[in-house]
């Protein structure tokens, strides 16, 4: 009998929907599952530049359901909460 794919590859459990309060309840899951694409990195760079310069601004976060808006905000919250604002060159 042929092996099944799930017997060969380990697929971790994922939470299909990230909620903002997950940053408080499962912070390690938020940071470990966050995927940093070029577009996301640019968004973080823009926001962190303003935070580091202590200049306020409005931010409009737009995306379809399931595109990662809450995950992005939770990740950003954890960066700022931990005081782990990375070097902008990292983005």
Protein backbone atom coordinates (compact mmCIF):
# COMPACT_ATOMS: atom_id res chain seq x y z
CA UNK A 1 0.00 0.00 0.00
CA UNK A 2 1.28 3.47 -0.88
CA UNK A 3 2.29 5.84 1.88
CA UNK A 4 0.13 8.86 2.46
CA UNK A 5 1.60 12.32 2.23
CA UNK A 6 0.67 13.07 5.84
CA UNK A 7 2.77 10.07 6.89
CA UNK A 8 5.83 11.52 5.14
CA UNK A 9 5.53 15.26 5.82
CA UNK A 10 4.84 16.77 9.20
CA UNK A 11 2.36 19.61 8.95
CA UNK A 12 2.07 21.71 12.11
CA UNK A 13 -1.27 22.75 13.50
CA UNK A 14 -2.14 26.30 12.50
CA UNK A 15 -4.70 28.72 13.77
CA UNK A 16 -6.70 29.68 10.67
CA UNK A 17 -7.73 33.09 11.99
CA UNK A 18 -5.47 35.36 14.04
CA UNK A 19 -7.25 37.71 16.42
CA UNK A 20 -5.66 40.78 17.96
CA UNK A 21 -5.81 39.40 21.49
CA UNK A 22 -3.74 36.41 20.34
CA UNK A 23 -0.71 38.66 20.79
CA UNK A 24 -1.34 38.39 24.54
CA UNK A 25 -2.35 34.73 24.65
CA UNK A 26 -0.02 33.07 22.10
CA UNK A 27 2.79 35.56 21.38
CA UNK A 28 5.33 32.89 20.40
CA UNK A 29 2.93 31.51 17.80
CA UNK A 30 2.41 35.00 16.38
CA UNK A 31 6.11 35.68 15.95
CA UNK A 32 7.13 32.20 14.79
CA UNK A 33 4.43 31.99 12.11
CA UNK A 34 4.80 35.53 10.76
CA UNK A 35 6.05 35.59 7.16
CA UNK A 36 8.07 38.65 6.24
CA UNK A 37 7.61 39.41 2.54
CA UNK A 38 9.10 42.44 0.79
CA UNK A 39 5.74 44.23 0.91
CA UNK A 40 5.21 43.47 4.61
CA UNK A 41 8.78 44.51 5.42
CA UNK A 42 8.20 47.84 3.66
CA UNK A 43 5.04 48.42 5.69
CA UNK A 44 6.89 47.69 8.92
CA UNK A 45 9.77 49.93 7.86
CA UNK A 46 7.43 52.86 7.20
CA UNK A 47 5.62 52.46 10.52
CA UNK A 48 8.79 51.90 12.57
CA UNK A 49 10.46 54.92 10.94
CA UNK A 50 7.60 57.09 12.21
CA UNK A 51 7.67 55.47 15.66
CA UNK A 52 11.44 55.90 15.97
CA UNK A 53 11.15 59.55 14.89
CA UNK A 54 8.28 60.02 17.36
CA UNK A 55 6.09 61.40 14.58
CA UNK A 56 2.44 60.50 14.51
CA UNK A 57 0.61 59.42 11.42
CA UNK A 58 -2.44 57.53 10.31
CA UNK A 59 -2.10 54.09 8.78
CA UNK A 60 -4.67 52.38 6.61
CA UNK A 61 -4.29 48.62 6.52
CA UNK A 62 -6.22 47.10 3.65
CA UNK A 63 -6.60 43.48 2.60
CA UNK A 64 -9.08 40.72 1.97
CA UNK A 65 -10.32 38.41 4.69
CA UNK A 66 -7.51 36.06 5.62
CA UNK A 67 -4.76 38.15 4.08
CA UNK A 68 -2.94 38.68 7.39
CA UNK A 69 -4.02 42.11 8.64
CA UNK A 70 -4.55 40.97 12.23
CA UNK A 71 -1.37 38.91 12.14
CA UNK A 72 0.55 41.99 10.94
CA UNK A 73 -0.92 44.16 13.71
CA UNK A 74 -0.29 41.51 16.36
CA UNK A 75 3.32 41.14 15.21
CA UNK A 76 3.81 44.92 15.21
CA UNK A 77 2.25 45.15 18.67
CA UNK A 78 4.66 42.51 19.99
CA UNK A 79 7.66 44.29 18.46
CA UNK A 80 6.68 47.54 20.12
CA UNK A 81 5.56 45.99 23.41
CA UNK A 82 8.81 44.11 23.86
CA UNK A 83 10.79 47.20 22.92
CA UNK A 84 12.29 45.06 20.21
CA UNK A 85 12.09 47.63 17.48
CA UNK A 86 14.54 46.08 15.06
CA UNK A 87 16.99 48.04 13.04
CA UNK A 88 15.27 49.44 10.00
CA UNK A 89 18.00 47.86 7.88
CA UNK A 90 16.51 44.50 8.92
CA UNK A 91 13.48 45.37 6.83
